Amino acid sequence: MRFHTRKWIKPEDLNPNGTLFGGRLLEWIDEECALYSIVQLENPKTVTKYMSEIDFRSSAHQGDIVEIGIEVIKFGTASLTLQCEVRNKMTRETIITVDRIVMVALGDDGKPKPHGKNKIEFVKDRLND
């Protein structure tokens, strides 16, 4: 799994228990998956269709640095299925896992649009073509 983004836990990210608010973490995951999918599918109109059950395994506290990892599981006709893990950067302890996140590329009409992709591409490789 590749860990793409790091977030620093600040006071505004905490719940009343003084730990990272789960909704904030899900917001970060959704944004990271959207950005990753937009780049992979080369379509700025890529949206979240589905997120499987989530598993909170540990908590994070103010001052912690967390990193968001994403792995591609499957390329569909108009979709990209991802897996996600968020862990504490310093301890490597897993904070949350999401087994399946389905992102869908849309056309101008707002309906799923085939993307024609079947493997992970890196921007540096696209620039060499």
N, C-alpha and C. Protein backbone atom coordinates (compact mmCIF):
# COMPACT_ATOMS: atom_id res chain seq x y z
N MET A 1 0.85 -1.18 0.00
CA MET A 1 0.00 0.00 0.00
C MET A 1 0.89 1.23 0.00
N ARG A 2 0.53 2.19 -0.81
CA ARG A 2 1.28 3.45 -0.87
C ARG A 2 0.60 4.49 0.02
N PHE A 3 1.39 5.13 0.85
CA PHE A 3 0.88 6.18 1.73
C PHE A 3 1.17 7.52 1.09
N HIS A 4 0.11 8.21 0.70
CA HIS A 4 0.23 9.41 -0.13
C HIS A 4 0.21 10.73 0.66
N THR A 5 -0.57 10.79 1.69
CA THR A 5 -0.82 12.06 2.36
C THR A 5 -0.64 11.94 3.86
N ARG A 6 -0.13 13.00 4.44
CA ARG A 6 0.00 13.07 5.89
C ARG A 6 -0.85 14.22 6.41
N LYS A 7 -1.43 14.00 7.57
CA LYS A 7 -2.23 15.03 8.24
C LYS A 7 -1.73 15.16 9.67
N TRP A 8 -1.68 16.39 10.13
CA TRP A 8 -1.27 16.69 11.49
C TRP A 8 -2.53 16.95 12.29
N ILE A 9 -2.73 16.23 13.38
CA ILE A 9 -3.95 16.36 14.18
C ILE A 9 -3.88 17.64 15.00
N LYS A 10 -4.84 18.54 14.75
CA LYS A 10 -4.89 19.85 15.41
C LYS A 10 -6.11 19.90 16.33
N PRO A 11 -6.20 20.89 17.20
CA PRO A 11 -7.33 20.98 18.15
C PRO A 11 -8.70 20.93 17.47
N GLU A 12 -8.83 21.54 16.31
CA GLU A 12 -10.13 21.56 15.63
C GLU A 12 -10.52 20.20 15.04
N ASP A 13 -9.61 19.23 15.06
CA ASP A 13 -9.89 17.89 14.54
C ASP A 13 -10.37 16.92 15.63
N LEU A 14 -10.45 17.39 16.87
CA LEU A 14 -10.74 16.51 18.00
C LEU A 14 -12.22 16.44 18.35
N ASN A 15 -12.63 15.30 18.89
CA ASN A 15 -13.98 15.14 19.40
C ASN A 15 -14.00 15.48 20.89
N PRO A 16 -15.16 15.42 21.56
CA PRO A 16 -15.19 15.75 23.00
C PRO A 16 -14.32 14.85 23.87
N ASN A 17 -13.92 13.68 23.37
CA ASN A 17 -13.03 12.80 24.14
C ASN A 17 -11.57 13.18 24.00
N GLY A 18 -11.27 14.18 23.16
CA GLY A 18 -9.89 14.61 22.98
C GLY A 18 -9.12 13.76 21.98
N THR A 19 -9.84 12.94 21.20
CA THR A 19 -9.20 12.13 20.15
C THR A 19 -9.72 12.58 18.80
N LEU A 20 -9.10 12.09 17.75
CA LEU A 20 -9.47 12.48 16.39
C LEU A 20 -10.92 12.12 16.12
N PHE A 21 -11.69 13.10 15.66
CA PHE A 21 -13.09 12.92 15.31
C PHE A 21 -13.18 12.02 14.08
N GLY A 22 -13.96 10.94 14.18
CA GLY A 22 -14.08 9.99 13.08
C GLY A 22 -14.58 10.62 11.80
N GLY A 23 -15.50 11.57 11.91
CA GLY A 23 -16.02 12.24 10.72
C GLY A 23 -14.95 13.03 9.98
N ARG A 24 -14.04 13.63 10.72
CA ARG A 24 -12.94 14.37 10.10
C ARG A 24 -12.04 13.40 9.34
N LEU A 25 -11.75 12.26 9.96
CA LEU A 25 -10.90 11.27 9.32
C LEU A 25 -11.55 10.73 8.05
N LEU A 26 -12.85 10.48 8.08
CA LEU A 26 -13.56 10.01 6.88
C LEU A 26 -13.56 11.07 5.79
N GLU A 27 -13.65 12.34 6.18
CA GLU A 27 -13.56 13.44 5.21
C GLU A 27 -12.21 13.42 4.51
N TRP A 28 -11.14 13.22 5.28
CA TRP A 28 -9.79 13.17 4.69
C TRP A 28 -9.65 11.98 3.76
N ILE A 29 -10.19 10.83 4.17
CA ILE A 29 -10.12 9.63 3.33
C ILE A 29 -10.87 9.85 2.03
N ASP A 30 -12.07 10.40 2.11
CA ASP A 30 -12.88 10.64 0.92
C ASP A 30 -12.17 11.59 -0.04
N GLU A 31 -11.60 12.66 0.50
CA GLU A 31 -10.88 13.62 -0.34
C GLU A 31 -9.65 12.98 -0.99
N GLU A 32 -8.90 12.20 -0.23
CA GLU A 32 -7.70 11.56 -0.78
C GLU A 32 -8.06 10.56 -1.87
N CYS A 33 -9.11 9.78 -1.65
CA CYS A 33 -9.55 8.82 -2.66
C CYS A 33 -10.05 9.53 -3.91
N ALA A 34 -10.74 10.65 -3.74
CA ALA A 34 -11.20 11.43 -4.89
C ALA A 34 -10.02 11.96 -5.69
N LEU A 35 -9.06 12.57 -5.02
CA LEU A 35 -7.90 13.12 -5.72
C LEU A 35 -7.12 12.02 -6.44
N TYR A 36 -6.91 10.91 -5.76
CA TYR A 36 -6.18 9.80 -6.36
C TYR A 36 -6.90 9.29 -7.61
N SER A 37 -8.21 9.12 -7.49
CA SER A 37 -9.01 8.60 -8.61
C SER A 37 -9.08 9.57 -9.78
N ILE A 38 -9.20 10.85 -9.49
CA ILE A 38 -9.23 11.87 -10.54
C ILE A 38 -7.94 11.81 -11.36
N VAL A 39 -6.82 11.68 -10.68
CA VAL A 39 -5.53 11.61 -11.37
C VAL A 39 -5.42 10.30 -12.16
N GLN A 40 -5.80 9.17 -11.55
CA GLN A 40 -5.70 7.88 -12.23
C GLN A 40 -6.62 7.80 -13.44
N LEU A 41 -7.85 8.26 -13.29
CA LEU A 41 -8.84 8.14 -14.37
C LEU A 41 -8.84 9.33 -15.32
N GLU A 42 -8.04 10.35 -14.97
CA GLU A 42 -7.93 11.56 -15.78
C GLU A 42 -9.31 12.17 -16.07
N ASN A 43 -10.11 12.23 -15.00
CA ASN A 43 -11.45 12.78 -15.11
C ASN A 43 -11.78 13.56 -13.83
N PRO A 44 -11.89 14.89 -13.92
CA PRO A 44 -12.18 15.69 -12.73
C PRO A 44 -13.59 15.47 -12.17
N LYS A 45 -14.43 14.80 -12.94
CA LYS A 45 -15.79 14.51 -12.49
C LYS A 45 -15.88 13.08 -11.96
N THR A 46 -15.04 12.76 -11.01
CA THR A 46 -15.02 11.44 -10.39
C THR A 46 -15.56 11.58 -8.97
N VAL A 47 -16.51 10.72 -8.62
CA VAL A 47 -17.21 10.84 -7.34
C VAL A 47 -17.18 9.53 -6.55
N THR A 48 -17.44 9.65 -5.26
CA THR A 48 -17.53 8.48 -4.40
C THR A 48 -18.91 7.86 -4.57
N LYS A 49 -18.94 6.57 -4.89
CA LYS A 49 -20.21 5.85 -5.03
C LYS A 49 -20.49 5.00 -3.80
N TYR A 50 -19.46 4.39 -3.25
CA TYR A 50 -19.67 3.42 -2.18
C TYR A 50 -18.46 3.37 -1.26
N MET A 51 -18.75 3.21 0.03
CA MET A 51 -17.69 2.99 1.00
C MET A 51 -18.17 1.85 1.89
N SER A 52 -17.37 0.77 1.96
CA SER A 52 -17.75 -0.38 2.77
C SER A 52 -17.67 -0.04 4.25
N GLU A 53 -17.95 -1.03 5.07
CA GLU A 53 -17.84 -0.79 6.50
C GLU A 53 -16.43 -0.36 6.84
N ILE A 54 -16.35 0.45 7.86
CA ILE A 54 -15.07 0.97 8.30
C ILE A 54 -14.72 0.33 9.64
N ASP A 55 -13.45 0.19 9.88
CA ASP A 55 -13.00 -0.45 11.11
C ASP A 55 -12.03 0.48 11.84
N PHE A 56 -12.54 1.14 12.90
CA PHE A 56 -11.68 1.97 13.73
C PHE A 56 -10.92 1.05 14.67
N ARG A 57 -9.60 1.04 14.56
CA ARG A 57 -8.78 0.13 15.35
C ARG A 57 -8.07 0.80 16.51
N SER A 58 -7.75 2.07 16.35
CA SER A 58 -7.11 2.82 17.43
C SER A 58 -7.44 4.29 17.24
N SER A 59 -7.05 5.10 18.19
CA SER A 59 -7.35 6.53 18.09
C SER A 59 -6.07 7.33 17.85
N ALA A 60 -6.29 8.57 17.49
CA ALA A 60 -5.18 9.50 17.29
C ALA A 60 -5.44 10.71 18.17
N HIS A 61 -4.38 11.37 18.58
CA HIS A 61 -4.49 12.50 19.50
C HIS A 61 -3.86 13.76 18.90
N GLN A 62 -4.16 14.88 19.54
CA GLN A 62 -3.60 16.14 19.09
C GLN A 62 -2.08 16.04 19.01
N GLY A 63 -1.54 16.51 17.90
CA GLY A 63 -0.09 16.47 17.69
C GLY A 63 0.38 15.26 16.92
N ASP A 64 -0.46 14.21 16.87
CA ASP A 64 -0.08 13.02 16.09
C ASP A 64 -0.06 13.37 14.59
N ILE A 65 0.75 12.65 13.87
CA ILE A 65 0.77 12.75 12.41
C ILE A 65 0.24 11.42 11.89
N VAL A 66 -0.80 11.50 11.05
CA VAL A 66 -1.35 10.29 10.46
C VAL A 66 -1.07 10.31 8.97
N GLU A 67 -0.98 9.13 8.39
CA GLU A 67 -0.78 9.04 6.95
C GLU A 67 -1.86 8.15 6.35
N ILE A 68 -2.30 8.55 5.17
CA ILE A 68 -3.39 7.86 4.48
C ILE A 68 -2.82 7.03 3.35
N GLY A 69 -3.09 5.73 3.40
CA GLY A 69 -2.62 4.81 2.38
C GLY A 69 -3.76 4.33 1.51
N ILE A 70 -3.50 4.22 0.21
CA ILE A 70 -4.51 3.78 -0.75
C ILE A 70 -3.90 2.70 -1.64
N GLU A 71 -4.70 1.70 -1.94
CA GLU A 71 -4.29 0.66 -2.86
C GLU A 71 -5.44 0.39 -3.83
N VAL A 72 -5.13 0.25 -5.12
CA VAL A 72 -6.14 -0.08 -6.11
C VAL A 72 -6.43 -1.57 -6.03
N ILE A 73 -7.70 -1.90 -5.95
CA ILE A 73 -8.11 -3.30 -5.91
C ILE A 73 -8.61 -3.75 -7.28
N LYS A 74 -9.33 -2.85 -7.98
CA LYS A 74 -9.95 -3.25 -9.24
C LYS A 74 -10.27 -2.04 -10.11
N PHE A 75 -10.09 -2.21 -11.40
CA PHE A 75 -10.55 -1.23 -12.38
C PHE A 75 -11.84 -1.77 -12.98
N GLY A 76 -12.91 -1.01 -12.87
CA GLY A 76 -14.16 -1.36 -13.53
C GLY A 76 -14.26 -0.59 -14.84
N THR A 77 -15.39 -0.68 -15.50
CA THR A 77 -15.59 0.02 -16.77
C THR A 77 -15.57 1.53 -16.58
N ALA A 78 -16.30 2.00 -15.56
CA ALA A 78 -16.35 3.44 -15.27
C ALA A 78 -15.92 3.72 -13.83
N SER A 79 -15.40 2.70 -13.16
CA SER A 79 -15.10 2.84 -11.73
C SER A 79 -13.67 2.42 -11.40
N LEU A 80 -13.30 2.75 -10.18
CA LEU A 80 -12.02 2.36 -9.61
C LEU A 80 -12.31 1.97 -8.16
N THR A 81 -11.94 0.75 -7.78
CA THR A 81 -12.17 0.30 -6.41
C THR A 81 -10.86 0.36 -5.65
N LEU A 82 -10.91 1.01 -4.49
CA LEU A 82 -9.73 1.24 -3.68
C LEU A 82 -9.89 0.60 -2.31
N GLN A 83 -8.76 0.42 -1.65
CA GLN A 83 -8.70 -0.01 -0.26
C GLN A 83 -7.90 1.07 0.47
N CYS A 84 -8.24 1.33 1.72
CA CYS A 84 -7.58 2.41 2.44
C CYS A 84 -7.18 1.98 3.85
N GLU A 85 -6.04 2.48 4.27
CA GLU A 85 -5.59 2.31 5.66
C GLU A 85 -5.01 3.65 6.11
N VAL A 86 -5.37 4.05 7.32
CA VAL A 86 -4.77 5.24 7.92
C VAL A 86 -4.01 4.77 9.14
N ARG A 87 -2.77 5.22 9.24
CA ARG A 87 -1.95 4.80 10.38
C ARG A 87 -1.22 5.99 10.98
N ASN A 88 -0.78 5.79 12.21
CA ASN A 88 0.03 6.79 12.90
C ASN A 88 1.42 6.75 12.27
N LYS A 89 1.89 7.89 11.80
CA LYS A 89 3.17 7.96 11.09
C LYS A 89 4.34 7.50 11.96
N MET A 90 4.31 7.86 13.22
CA MET A 90 5.46 7.57 14.09
C MET A 90 5.44 6.14 14.64
N THR A 91 4.26 5.65 15.04
CA THR A 91 4.19 4.32 15.66
C THR A 91 3.82 3.23 14.65
N ARG A 92 3.32 3.63 13.48
CA ARG A 92 2.84 2.71 12.43
C ARG A 92 1.59 1.94 12.87
N GLU A 93 0.99 2.33 13.98
CA GLU A 93 -0.23 1.67 14.44
C GLU A 93 -1.40 2.05 13.52
N THR A 94 -2.17 1.07 13.10
CA THR A 94 -3.32 1.31 12.24
C THR A 94 -4.42 1.99 13.03
N ILE A 95 -4.97 3.05 12.46
CA ILE A 95 -6.06 3.79 13.09
C ILE A 95 -7.40 3.35 12.52
N ILE A 96 -7.47 3.19 11.20
CA ILE A 96 -8.71 2.81 10.54
C ILE A 96 -8.41 2.06 9.25
N THR A 97 -9.28 1.14 8.89
CA THR A 97 -9.20 0.50 7.57
C THR A 97 -10.57 0.58 6.92
N VAL A 98 -10.55 0.71 5.60
CA VAL A 98 -11.77 0.65 4.79
C VAL A 98 -11.45 -0.32 3.67
N ASP A 99 -12.19 -1.42 3.63
CA ASP A 99 -11.88 -2.49 2.67
C ASP A 99 -12.20 -2.14 1.22
N ARG A 100 -13.29 -1.39 0.99
CA ARG A 100 -13.66 -1.07 -0.39
C ARG A 100 -14.24 0.33 -0.48
N ILE A 101 -13.67 1.11 -1.38
CA ILE A 101 -14.20 2.42 -1.71
C ILE A 101 -14.31 2.45 -3.23
N VAL A 102 -15.52 2.64 -3.73
CA VAL A 102 -15.74 2.65 -5.17
C VAL A 102 -15.91 4.09 -5.64
N MET A 103 -15.05 4.48 -6.57
CA MET A 103 -15.08 5.80 -7.17
C MET A 103 -15.55 5.64 -8.62
N VAL A 104 -16.42 6.55 -9.08
CA VAL A 104 -16.98 6.44 -10.42
C VAL A 104 -16.69 7.70 -11.22
N ALA A 105 -16.21 7.49 -12.45
CA ALA A 105 -15.97 8.60 -13.39
C ALA A 105 -17.30 8.95 -14.05
N LEU A 106 -17.61 10.23 -14.09
CA LEU A 106 -18.85 10.69 -14.71
C LEU A 106 -18.59 11.47 -15.98
N GLY A 107 -19.57 11.45 -16.88
CA GLY A 107 -19.52 12.27 -18.08
C GLY A 107 -20.20 13.59 -17.81
N ASP A 108 -20.28 14.44 -18.82
CA ASP A 108 -20.92 15.75 -18.67
C ASP A 108 -22.40 15.64 -18.30
N ASP A 109 -23.01 14.50 -18.64
CA ASP A 109 -24.43 14.29 -18.33
C ASP A 109 -24.65 13.78 -16.91
N GLY A 110 -23.57 13.59 -16.15
CA GLY A 110 -23.68 13.13 -14.77
C GLY A 110 -23.85 11.64 -14.63
N LYS A 111 -23.71 10.90 -15.71
CA LYS A 111 -23.84 9.45 -15.70
C LYS A 111 -22.46 8.81 -15.81
N PRO A 112 -22.32 7.56 -15.32
CA PRO A 112 -21.01 6.89 -15.41
C PRO A 112 -20.48 6.89 -16.84
N LYS A 113 -19.18 7.20 -16.94
CA LYS A 113 -18.52 7.29 -18.24
C LYS A 113 -17.33 6.33 -18.25
N PRO A 114 -17.27 5.40 -19.20
CA PRO A 114 -16.12 4.49 -19.27
C PRO A 114 -14.80 5.26 -19.35
N HIS A 115 -13.82 4.77 -18.62
CA HIS A 115 -12.54 5.48 -18.57
C HIS A 115 -11.45 4.81 -19.40
N GLY A 116 -11.61 3.56 -19.76
CA GLY A 116 -10.64 2.88 -20.60
C GLY A 116 -9.32 2.53 -19.92
N LYS A 117 -9.27 2.59 -18.61
CA LYS A 117 -8.03 2.29 -17.86
C LYS A 117 -8.09 0.87 -17.33
N ASN A 118 -6.93 0.23 -17.19
CA ASN A 118 -6.90 -1.11 -16.62
C ASN A 118 -5.67 -1.36 -15.74
N LYS A 119 -4.88 -0.31 -15.52
CA LYS A 119 -3.72 -0.44 -14.63
C LYS A 119 -3.36 0.92 -14.06
N ILE A 120 -2.61 0.88 -12.97
CA ILE A 120 -2.16 2.11 -12.32
C ILE A 120 -1.15 2.80 -13.23
N GLU A 121 -1.31 4.10 -13.39
CA GLU A 121 -0.36 4.89 -14.16
C GLU A 121 0.19 5.99 -13.28
N PHE A 122 1.45 6.28 -13.47
CA PHE A 122 2.08 7.36 -12.74
C PHE A 122 2.24 8.54 -13.68
N VAL A 123 2.05 9.74 -13.17
CA VAL A 123 2.13 10.95 -14.00
C VAL A 123 3.46 11.03 -14.73
N LYS A 124 4.55 10.66 -14.06
CA LYS A 124 5.87 10.73 -14.71
C LYS A 124 5.92 9.85 -15.95
N ASP A 125 5.21 8.72 -15.93
CA ASP A 125 5.17 7.83 -17.11
C ASP A 125 4.34 8.42 -18.23
N ARG A 126 3.28 9.13 -17.88
CA ARG A 126 2.43 9.76 -18.89
C ARG A 126 3.20 10.88 -19.61
N LEU A 127 4.08 11.55 -18.87
CA LEU A 127 4.84 12.64 -19.45
C LEU A 127 5.87 12.16 -20.46
N ASN A 128 6.31 10.90 -20.33
CA ASN A 128 7.29 10.33 -21.22
C ASN A 128 6.69 9.82 -22.53
N ASP A 129 5.35 9.67 -22.54
CA ASP A 129 4.69 9.16 -23.74
C ASP A 129 4.58 10.19 -24.84
